[in-house]
């Protein structure tokens, strides 16, 4: 099983690391425009995340359901599930463009735009919304391919997209190759153009490289039951993501009171933090199909082995990132800021907001496994507890006593509390898998049994 986990996870983990590094290069180009344009970009991040979240929520349900369906050897139903995902993504794309453009001013005010940043944010967001269809479709197709157990090609397509984005950024932002400089709007044009290209690429890939799915149109039968099954996992994910967007909007509104430089510091921190999580998310992409296949085939001991091995690797990944952000924050900030005030705020942010970062790696894996075994609502409640139960009260209380530092501390303390709560969810899942394995009390009392099992789960072979 270890080899399978590595085979599925390492390519996508390495790819996501490269993806995140390229994304930081993208951030570097935008940061060259100064704190104000970067703050304007940061303020529209919630809406961009909302678009991605809708697709990611549907994608999580698709990956889990297709994995479990193929694990049960029902290819015809898996085809039908995949076609439902395509239709849903097209509907989302049309609605996002129409509703987003109609309510754009209200959305910008809701997400904390100030008079200084409003015009810049509005122009950028208009371009992004016109290209929203090309956000949904490639992500959905990537999730469908992952549901088949193929994590390599979706990662290749993602790397192609971010690579094109990095290439297009300086061309459109600063005006290279005879193209007039577009400033922040150039970053939006670069993003949409790269999404259009990878949409064409992944459609071509699906048509030419078929795996388990046949993609037969005859297998597409519109079914409310299929939609319900997708969103049994996907809807809780959607709720989690929508709440995340709302919380991020509240953070932006809170930081706006400290000036746009604080908002820009948050934007840099979020992108650097994403680099820490990219290896874990790559690992989770390999974990999802393994856990879903094993659960669908009733191999519950394999699900437990997947949890132990994946959490161990996730802890290693986030622990490495924690060491860098705690001990070398100024070195990190120098790549994105030549402004002394922005650098000082960014250093303080990175140190205070990542005190318990290592704990988040295993927590991401737990979310993934809960979704893979069809317990999407458990993952939802765990996520909501972190964001609404812990982070929101801390965000409202700590700044009153610690000012801007209180905003950053809210990240750390909410992660610490949510990790403690996650242990209870893990115990519940473990017990469920034990009951299904019909583990007896006598087996637990047998001398050395638990230690032997732990060594077996951690053994990489």
Protein backbone atom coordinates (compact mmCIF):
# COMPACT_ATOMS: atom_id res chain seq x y z
CA UNK A 1 0.00 0.00 0.00
CA UNK A 2 2.90 2.36 0.76
CA UNK A 3 4.16 2.09 -2.80
CA UNK A 4 0.69 2.83 -4.14
CA UNK A 5 0.37 5.88 -1.88
CA UNK A 6 3.75 7.16 -3.00
CA UNK A 7 3.02 6.42 -6.65
CA UNK A 8 -0.23 8.38 -6.50
CA UNK A 9 0.97 11.12 -4.17
CA UNK A 10 4.57 11.90 -5.09
CA UNK A 11 3.92 13.15 -8.63
CA UNK A 12 1.06 15.36 -7.54
CA UNK A 13 2.92 16.46 -4.38
CA UNK A 14 5.98 17.44 -6.38
CA UNK A 15 3.71 19.04 -8.93
CA UNK A 16 1.84 21.04 -6.30
CA UNK A 17 5.11 22.25 -4.80
CA UNK A 18 6.18 23.43 -8.21
CA UNK A 19 2.70 24.88 -8.75
CA UNK A 20 2.92 26.84 -5.53
CA UNK A 21 6.42 28.08 -6.30
CA UNK A 22 5.25 29.28 -9.70
CA UNK A 23 2.26 30.89 -8.00
CA UNK A 24 4.67 32.78 -5.76
CA UNK A 25 6.43 34.02 -8.90
CA UNK A 26 3.03 35.25 -10.04
CA UNK A 27 2.68 36.99 -6.68
CA UNK A 28 6.15 38.48 -7.14
CA UNK A 29 5.12 40.17 -10.40
CA UNK A 30 1.96 41.66 -8.88
CA UNK A 31 3.88 42.77 -5.78
CA UNK A 32 6.16 44.80 -8.07
CA UNK A 33 3.17 47.09 -8.69
CA UNK A 34 3.25 48.19 -5.03
CA UNK A 35 1.19 47.65 -1.84
CA UNK A 36 -1.99 49.34 -3.13
CA UNK A 37 -2.54 47.14 -6.24
CA UNK A 38 -1.57 44.08 -4.20
CA UNK A 39 -4.10 45.03 -1.54
CA UNK A 40 -6.74 45.47 -4.27
CA UNK A 41 -5.96 41.96 -5.51
CA UNK A 42 -6.11 40.54 -1.98
CA UNK A 43 -9.56 42.05 -1.42
CA UNK A 44 -11.05 40.14 -4.37
CA UNK A 45 -9.48 36.86 -3.32
CA UNK A 46 -12.62 35.83 -1.38
CA UNK A 47 -14.75 35.94 -4.52
CA UNK A 48 -12.13 34.08 -6.54
CA UNK A 49 -11.95 31.46 -3.81
CA UNK A 50 -15.75 31.22 -3.86
CA UNK A 51 -15.68 30.35 -7.56
CA UNK A 52 -12.97 27.75 -7.03
CA UNK A 53 -14.74 26.43 -3.93
CA UNK A 54 -17.95 25.66 -5.77
CA UNK A 55 -15.98 23.60 -8.25
CA UNK A 56 -13.85 22.01 -5.53
CA UNK A 57 -16.93 21.00 -3.55
CA UNK A 58 -18.49 19.32 -6.56
CA UNK A 59 -15.10 17.83 -7.39
CA UNK A 60 -14.67 16.32 -3.93
CA UNK A 61 -18.03 14.61 -4.28
CA UNK A 62 -17.18 13.41 -7.79
CA UNK A 63 -13.77 12.03 -6.80
CA UNK A 64 -15.18 10.19 -3.79
CA UNK A 65 -18.28 8.84 -5.57
CA UNK A 66 -16.44 7.78 -8.73
CA UNK A 67 -13.75 6.10 -6.62
CA UNK A 68 -16.29 4.19 -4.54
CA UNK A 69 -18.35 3.30 -7.63
CA UNK A 70 -15.34 1.99 -9.53
CA UNK A 71 -14.27 0.16 -6.37
CA UNK A 72 -17.61 -1.63 -6.63
CA UNK A 73 -16.92 -2.39 -10.33
CA UNK A 74 -19.90 -0.35 -11.63
CA UNK A 75 -18.39 1.44 -14.65
CA UNK A 76 -21.73 2.40 -16.17
CA UNK A 77 -22.80 4.32 -13.06
CA UNK A 78 -19.34 5.92 -12.81
CA UNK A 79 -19.79 7.22 -16.38
CA UNK A 80 -23.14 8.68 -15.42
CA UNK A 81 -21.62 10.39 -12.36
CA UNK A 82 -18.89 11.94 -14.53
CA UNK A 83 -21.42 13.34 -17.03
CA UNK A 84 -23.41 14.88 -14.17
CA UNK A 85 -20.23 16.63 -13.04
CA UNK A 86 -19.74 18.18 -16.50
CA UNK A 87 -23.30 19.49 -16.65
CA UNK A 88 -23.05 20.94 -13.14
CA UNK A 89 -19.79 22.74 -13.99
CA UNK A 90 -21.33 24.34 -17.08
CA UNK A 91 -24.30 25.58 -15.05
CA UNK A 92 -21.98 27.04 -12.41
CA UNK A 93 -19.93 28.83 -15.06
CA UNK A 94 -22.94 30.56 -16.60
CA UNK A 95 -24.42 31.55 -13.23
CA UNK A 96 -21.10 32.84 -11.88
CA UNK A 97 -20.62 35.13 -14.88
CA UNK A 98 -24.18 36.48 -14.93
CA UNK A 99 -24.77 36.93 -11.21
CA UNK A 100 -21.20 38.02 -10.47
CA UNK A 101 -21.24 40.85 -13.01
CA UNK A 102 -24.73 41.98 -12.00
CA UNK A 103 -23.88 42.21 -8.28
CA UNK A 104 -20.20 43.11 -8.64
CA UNK A 105 -20.35 46.40 -6.69
CA UNK A 106 -22.29 44.86 -3.82
CA UNK A 107 -19.84 41.96 -3.66
CA UNK A 108 -16.82 44.23 -3.53
CA UNK A 109 -18.30 46.25 -0.68
CA UNK A 110 -19.22 43.04 1.12
CA UNK A 111 -15.67 41.73 0.80
CA UNK A 112 -14.18 44.85 2.36
CA UNK A 113 -13.05 47.03 -0.54
CA UNK A 114 -12.15 50.56 0.49
CA UNK A 115 -12.36 53.73 -1.64
CA UNK A 116 -8.60 53.44 -2.27
CA UNK A 117 -8.86 49.98 -3.78
CA UNK A 118 -12.41 49.86 -5.21
CA UNK A 119 -11.70 50.85 -8.82
CA UNK A 120 -8.67 48.57 -9.13
CA UNK A 121 -10.51 45.63 -7.61
CA UNK A 122 -13.58 46.15 -9.79
CA UNK A 123 -11.70 46.18 -13.09
CA UNK A 124 -9.70 43.10 -12.13
CA UNK A 125 -12.79 41.18 -10.99
CA UNK A 126 -14.76 41.94 -14.15
CA UNK A 127 -12.13 40.20 -16.26
CA UNK A 128 -12.01 37.20 -13.91
CA UNK A 129 -15.80 36.79 -13.95
CA UNK A 130 -15.98 36.79 -17.75
CA UNK A 131 -13.60 33.82 -17.72
CA UNK A 132 -15.25 31.93 -14.86
CA UNK A 133 -16.52 29.10 -17.10
CA UNK A 134 -12.87 28.18 -17.66
CA UNK A 135 -12.40 27.94 -13.89
CA UNK A 136 -15.09 25.32 -13.37
CA UNK A 137 -14.71 22.96 -16.32
CA UNK A 138 -10.98 22.04 -16.05
CA UNK A 139 -11.22 21.58 -12.27
CA UNK A 140 -14.21 19.24 -12.65
CA UNK A 141 -12.50 17.17 -15.32
CA UNK A 142 -9.38 16.97 -13.15
CA UNK A 143 -11.41 15.67 -10.22
CA UNK A 144 -13.08 13.06 -12.42
CA UNK A 145 -9.68 11.80 -13.58
CA UNK A 146 -8.50 11.68 -9.94
CA UNK A 147 -11.55 9.58 -9.10
CA UNK A 148 -10.18 6.99 -11.53
CA UNK A 149 -6.97 6.92 -9.45
CA UNK A 150 -4.94 9.02 -11.89
CA UNK A 151 -3.38 11.97 -10.07
CA UNK A 152 -0.53 12.54 -12.54
CA UNK A 153 -2.28 14.08 -15.54
CA UNK A 154 -4.48 16.51 -13.56
CA UNK A 155 -1.31 17.80 -11.92
CA UNK A 156 0.43 18.16 -15.29
CA UNK A 157 -2.52 20.22 -16.55
CA UNK A 158 -2.44 22.39 -13.43
CA UNK A 159 1.29 22.97 -13.85
CA UNK A 160 0.72 23.91 -17.45
CA UNK A 161 -1.87 26.46 -16.35
CA UNK A 162 0.27 28.15 -13.70
CA UNK A 163 3.33 28.06 -16.00
CA UNK A 164 1.39 29.85 -18.71
CA UNK A 165 0.14 32.30 -16.10
CA UNK A 166 3.71 33.10 -15.04
CA UNK A 167 4.74 33.55 -18.67
CA UNK A 168 1.77 35.78 -19.49
CA UNK A 169 2.00 37.89 -16.30
CA UNK A 170 4.96 40.12 -17.20
CA UNK A 171 3.75 40.35 -20.79
CA UNK A 172 0.38 41.80 -19.85
CA UNK A 173 1.26 43.50 -16.53
CA UNK A 174 4.36 45.38 -17.71
CA UNK A 175 3.70 45.42 -21.47
CA UNK A 176 6.17 43.16 -23.22
CA UNK A 177 6.31 42.03 -26.87
CA UNK A 178 4.52 45.14 -28.10
CA UNK A 179 1.53 44.69 -25.78
CA UNK A 180 0.60 47.84 -23.80
CA UNK A 181 1.07 47.56 -20.00
CA UNK A 182 -2.21 46.74 -18.27
CA UNK A 183 -1.03 46.77 -14.64
CA UNK A 184 -3.22 44.75 -12.28
CA UNK A 185 -5.70 44.06 -15.09
CA UNK A 186 -2.88 42.32 -16.91
CA UNK A 187 -2.71 39.75 -14.13
CA UNK A 188 -6.42 39.00 -14.66
CA UNK A 189 -5.97 38.67 -18.43
CA UNK A 190 -3.02 36.33 -17.92
CA UNK A 191 -5.05 34.17 -15.55
CA UNK A 192 -8.08 33.86 -17.83
CA UNK A 193 -6.00 33.19 -20.94
CA UNK A 194 -4.08 30.39 -19.21
CA UNK A 195 -7.37 28.85 -17.99
CA UNK A 196 -8.77 28.85 -21.54
CA UNK A 197 -5.70 26.99 -22.80
CA UNK A 198 -5.72 24.31 -20.07
CA UNK A 199 -9.46 23.77 -20.58
CA UNK A 200 -8.74 22.85 -24.19
CA UNK A 201 -5.79 20.68 -23.06
CA UNK A 202 -7.70 18.65 -20.47
CA UNK A 203 -10.65 18.09 -22.83
CA UNK A 204 -8.20 16.70 -25.40
CA UNK A 205 -6.63 14.52 -22.70
CA UNK A 206 -9.97 13.04 -21.63
CA UNK A 207 -10.89 12.26 -25.23
CA UNK A 208 -7.60 10.52 -26.01
CA UNK A 209 -6.52 8.84 -22.75
CA UNK A 210 -9.45 6.87 -21.33
CA UNK A 211 -8.89 4.72 -18.26
CA UNK A 212 -11.75 3.12 -16.35
CA UNK A 213 -14.46 5.45 -17.62
CA UNK A 214 -15.79 4.91 -21.13
CA UNK A 215 -17.45 8.36 -21.38
CA UNK A 216 -20.30 6.78 -23.32
CA UNK A 217 -23.13 9.30 -23.82
CA UNK A 218 -25.57 6.39 -23.62
CA UNK A 219 -24.64 6.02 -19.95
CA UNK A 220 -25.77 9.56 -19.13
CA UNK A 221 -29.16 9.41 -17.47
CA UNK A 222 -30.15 12.58 -15.57
CA UNK A 223 -30.75 11.47 -12.01
CA UNK A 224 -31.54 13.37 -8.84
CA UNK A 225 -30.12 10.41 -6.94
CA UNK A 226 -26.69 10.87 -8.52
CA UNK A 227 -26.71 14.58 -7.67
CA UNK A 228 -27.64 13.77 -4.07
CA UNK A 229 -24.82 11.22 -3.87
CA UNK A 230 -22.31 13.75 -5.25
CA UNK A 231 -23.32 16.41 -2.76
CA UNK A 232 -23.53 14.03 0.17
CA UNK A 233 -19.79 14.60 0.20
CA UNK A 234 -19.70 17.73 -1.95
CA UNK A 235 -22.32 19.82 -0.13
CA UNK A 236 -20.54 19.73 3.23
CA UNK A 237 -17.36 20.72 1.39
CA UNK A 238 -19.25 23.58 -0.23
CA UNK A 239 -20.53 24.78 3.13
CA UNK A 240 -16.99 24.64 4.52
CA UNK A 241 -15.63 26.63 1.60
CA UNK A 242 -18.40 29.24 1.68
CA UNK A 243 -17.79 29.76 5.38
CA UNK A 244 -14.06 30.10 4.63
CA UNK A 245 -14.84 32.81 2.10
CA UNK A 246 -17.07 34.63 4.59
CA UNK A 247 -14.35 34.45 7.24
CA UNK A 248 -11.74 35.73 4.79
CA UNK A 249 -14.01 38.62 3.86
CA UNK A 250 -14.34 39.44 7.57
CA UNK A 251 -10.56 39.32 7.95
CA UNK A 252 -10.21 41.75 5.06
CA UNK A 253 -12.75 44.12 6.60
CA UNK A 254 -10.93 43.90 9.94
CA UNK A 255 -7.54 44.53 8.39
CA UNK A 256 -8.87 47.45 6.34
CA UNK A 257 -9.10 49.33 9.61
CA UNK A 258 -5.30 49.05 9.92
CA UNK A 259 -4.66 50.30 6.36
CA UNK A 260 -4.17 48.68 2.97
CA UNK A 261 -0.60 47.70 3.89
CA UNK A 262 -1.97 45.21 6.43
CA UNK A 263 -4.28 43.81 3.74
CA UNK A 264 -1.31 43.41 1.39
CA UNK A 265 0.62 41.60 4.15
CA UNK A 266 -2.27 39.17 4.51
CA UNK A 267 -2.21 38.54 0.74
CA UNK A 268 1.49 37.66 0.86
CA UNK A 269 1.01 35.45 3.92
CA UNK A 270 -1.86 33.52 2.36
CA UNK A 271 0.21 32.76 -0.73
CA UNK A 272 3.26 31.71 1.28
CA UNK A 273 1.05 29.63 3.57
CA UNK A 274 -0.40 27.90 0.52
CA UNK A 275 3.13 26.73 -0.32
CA UNK A 276 3.25 25.00 3.07
CA UNK A 277 -0.05 23.26 2.38
CA UNK A 278 0.51 22.32 -1.27
CA UNK A 279 2.50 19.14 -0.45
CA UNK A 280 -0.22 18.11 1.98
CA UNK A 281 -2.95 18.76 -0.58
CA UNK A 282 -0.93 16.74 -3.09
CA UNK A 283 -0.70 13.93 -0.57
CA UNK A 284 -4.45 14.16 0.04
CA UNK A 285 -5.09 13.74 -3.70
CA UNK A 286 -3.33 10.40 -3.50
CA UNK A 287 -5.01 9.51 -0.23
CA UNK A 288 -8.56 10.13 -1.49
CA UNK A 289 -8.79 7.42 -4.18
CA UNK A 290 -6.92 4.85 -2.06
CA UNK A 291 -9.20 5.36 0.93
CA UNK A 292 -12.32 5.47 -1.27
CA UNK A 293 -11.37 2.30 -3.18
CA UNK A 294 -10.46 0.47 0.03
CA UNK A 295 -13.66 1.54 1.77
CA UNK A 296 -15.78 0.59 -1.25
CA UNK A 297 -14.09 -2.83 -1.32
CA UNK A 298 -14.58 -3.21 2.49
CA UNK A 299 -10.83 -3.31 3.14
CA UNK A 300 -11.11 -1.28 6.34
CA UNK A 301 -7.66 -2.11 7.67
CA UNK A 302 -6.24 -0.55 4.53
CA UNK A 303 -8.15 2.64 5.27
CA UNK A 304 -6.47 2.79 8.68
CA UNK A 305 -3.06 2.17 7.17
CA UNK A 306 -3.70 5.00 4.71
CA UNK A 307 -4.57 7.36 7.58
CA UNK A 308 -1.41 6.58 9.57
CA UNK A 309 1.00 6.81 6.66
CA UNK A 310 -0.57 9.95 5.18
CA UNK A 311 -0.74 11.79 8.51
CA UNK A 312 2.92 11.01 9.21
CA UNK A 313 4.00 12.48 5.88
CA UNK A 314 1.67 15.48 6.29
CA UNK A 315 3.19 16.25 9.70
CA UNK A 316 6.66 16.17 8.16
CA UNK A 317 5.64 18.56 5.36
CA UNK A 318 3.98 21.17 7.57
CA UNK A 319 6.70 20.85 10.21
CA UNK A 320 9.35 21.79 7.64
CA UNK A 321 7.33 24.83 6.57
CA UNK A 322 6.88 25.83 10.22
CA UNK A 323 10.65 25.85 10.77
CA UNK A 324 11.18 28.23 7.84
CA UNK A 325 8.35 30.63 8.66
CA UNK A 326 9.25 30.82 12.33
CA UNK A 327 12.99 31.30 11.91
CA UNK A 328 13.41 32.99 8.50
CA UNK A 329 10.32 35.20 7.92
CA UNK A 330 12.39 38.23 6.85
CA UNK A 331 14.13 36.13 4.20
CA UNK A 332 10.72 35.09 2.85
CA UNK A 333 9.34 38.64 2.83
CA UNK A 334 12.28 40.08 0.90
CA UNK A 335 11.02 38.36 -2.25
CA UNK A 336 7.72 40.25 -2.17
CA UNK A 337 8.34 43.58 -0.50
CA UNK A 338 10.78 46.47 -0.69
CA UNK A 339 8.49 48.55 1.52
CA UNK A 340 9.84 48.62 5.13
CA UNK A 341 6.38 48.90 6.70
CA UNK A 342 4.96 46.05 4.63
CA UNK A 343 7.99 43.88 5.45
CA UNK A 344 7.69 44.50 9.19
CA UNK A 345 3.97 43.69 9.23
CA UNK A 346 4.55 40.59 7.08
CA UNK A 347 7.28 39.23 9.36
CA UNK A 348 5.08 39.68 12.43
CA UNK A 349 2.19 38.00 10.60
CA UNK A 350 4.17 34.94 9.54
CA UNK A 351 5.55 34.29 13.00
CA UNK A 352 2.35 34.81 15.00
CA UNK A 353 -0.04 33.12 12.55
CA UNK A 354 1.92 29.86 12.22
CA UNK A 355 2.65 28.88 15.83
CA UNK A 356 0.80 25.55 15.49
CA UNK A 357 1.11 25.06 11.72
CA UNK A 358 2.47 21.45 11.94
CA UNK A 359 -0.83 20.25 13.41
CA UNK A 360 -2.71 21.29 10.27
CA UNK A 361 -1.09 18.67 8.03
CA UNK A 362 -2.74 15.64 9.69
CA UNK A 363 -5.96 17.65 9.98
CA UNK A 364 -6.14 18.07 6.19
CA UNK A 365 -5.65 14.31 5.78
CA UNK A 366 -8.47 13.63 8.22
CA UNK A 367 -10.79 15.88 6.21
CA UNK A 368 -9.86 13.95 3.08
CA UNK A 369 -10.39 10.49 4.56
CA UNK A 370 -13.75 11.47 6.03
CA UNK A 371 -14.85 12.61 2.57
CA UNK A 372 -13.44 9.48 0.94
CA UNK A 373 -15.48 7.16 3.17
CA UNK A 374 -18.66 9.16 2.63
CA UNK A 375 -18.62 11.05 5.95
CA UNK A 376 -18.64 14.47 4.36
CA UNK A 377 -20.84 15.95 7.06
CA UNK A 378 -18.34 14.97 9.74
CA UNK A 379 -15.63 16.79 7.78
CA UNK A 380 -17.99 19.75 7.49
CA UNK A 381 -18.66 19.97 11.23
CA UNK A 382 -14.97 19.70 11.99
CA UNK A 383 -14.16 22.51 9.57
CA UNK A 384 -17.03 24.69 10.78
CA UNK A 385 -15.88 24.20 14.36
CA UNK A 386 -12.45 25.54 13.46
CA UNK A 387 -13.70 28.52 11.50
CA UNK A 388 -16.93 29.51 13.23
CA UNK A 389 -16.49 27.96 16.67
CA UNK A 390 -12.85 28.96 17.20
CA UNK A 391 -11.48 31.42 14.62
CA UNK A 392 -14.45 33.80 14.42
CA UNK A 393 -14.69 34.48 18.18
CA UNK A 394 -10.91 34.84 18.39
CA UNK A 395 -10.91 37.29 15.46
CA UNK A 396 -13.55 39.38 17.20
CA UNK A 397 -11.89 39.30 20.64
CA UNK A 398 -8.09 39.23 20.26
CA UNK A 399 -7.66 42.44 18.18
CA UNK A 400 -9.35 44.38 20.98
CA UNK A 401 -6.46 43.51 23.28
CA UNK A 402 -3.52 42.92 20.93
CA UNK A 403 -4.40 45.09 17.90
CA UNK A 404 -3.11 43.84 14.56
CA UNK A 405 -1.15 41.05 16.27
CA UNK A 406 -4.46 39.72 17.57
CA UNK A 407 -5.62 39.07 14.00
CA UNK A 408 -2.55 36.92 13.35
CA UNK A 409 -2.83 35.10 16.69
CA UNK A 410 -6.40 34.12 15.82
CA UNK A 411 -4.99 31.87 13.07
CA UNK A 412 -2.69 30.01 15.46
CA UNK A 413 -5.02 29.53 18.42
CA UNK A 414 -7.89 28.36 16.22
CA UNK A 415 -5.58 25.75 14.65
CA UNK A 416 -4.50 24.51 18.07
CA UNK A 417 -8.09 24.12 19.28
CA UNK A 418 -9.30 22.49 16.06
CA UNK A 419 -6.46 19.95 16.20
CA UNK A 420 -7.58 18.94 19.69
CA UNK A 421 -11.16 18.55 18.46
CA UNK A 422 -9.98 16.59 15.40
CA UNK A 423 -8.59 13.92 17.69
CA UNK A 424 -12.14 13.12 18.81
CA UNK A 425 -13.29 12.80 15.19
CA UNK A 426 -10.35 10.50 14.45
CA UNK A 427 -11.21 8.28 17.41
CA UNK A 428 -14.82 8.06 16.21
CA UNK A 429 -13.75 7.11 12.67
CA UNK A 430 -11.26 4.59 14.01
CA UNK A 431 -13.90 2.95 16.17
CA UNK A 432 -16.23 2.71 13.19
CA UNK A 433 -13.53 0.93 11.20
CA UNK A 434 -12.75 -1.33 14.17
CA UNK A 435 -16.40 -2.34 14.54
CA UNK A 436 -16.55 -3.16 10.85
CA UNK A 437 -13.45 -5.31 11.31
CA UNK A 438 -15.17 -7.00 14.26
CA UNK A 439 -12.19 -6.32 16.51
CA UNK A 440 -12.73 -7.90 19.90
CA UNK A 441 -11.68 -6.66 23.32
CA UNK A 442 -9.51 -9.76 23.70
CA UNK A 443 -7.51 -8.73 20.64
CA UNK A 444 -6.93 -5.27 22.12
CA UNK A 445 -5.77 -6.78 25.42
CA UNK A 446 -3.37 -9.14 23.71
CA UNK A 447 0.15 -8.10 24.66
CA UNK A 448 1.86 -6.02 22.00
CA UNK A 449 -1.11 -6.08 19.59
CA UNK A 450 -1.48 -2.31 19.17
CA UNK A 451 2.27 -1.80 18.86
CA UNK A 452 2.48 -4.50 16.19
CA UNK A 453 -0.36 -2.91 14.24
CA UNK A 454 1.24 0.56 14.47
CA UNK A 455 4.56 -0.78 13.17
CA UNK A 456 2.75 -2.46 10.28
CA UNK A 457 0.90 0.72 9.37
CA UNK A 458 4.10 2.79 9.47
CA UNK A 459 6.23 0.27 7.58
CA UNK A 460 7.01 1.61 4.10
CA UNK A 461 7.18 -1.27 1.69
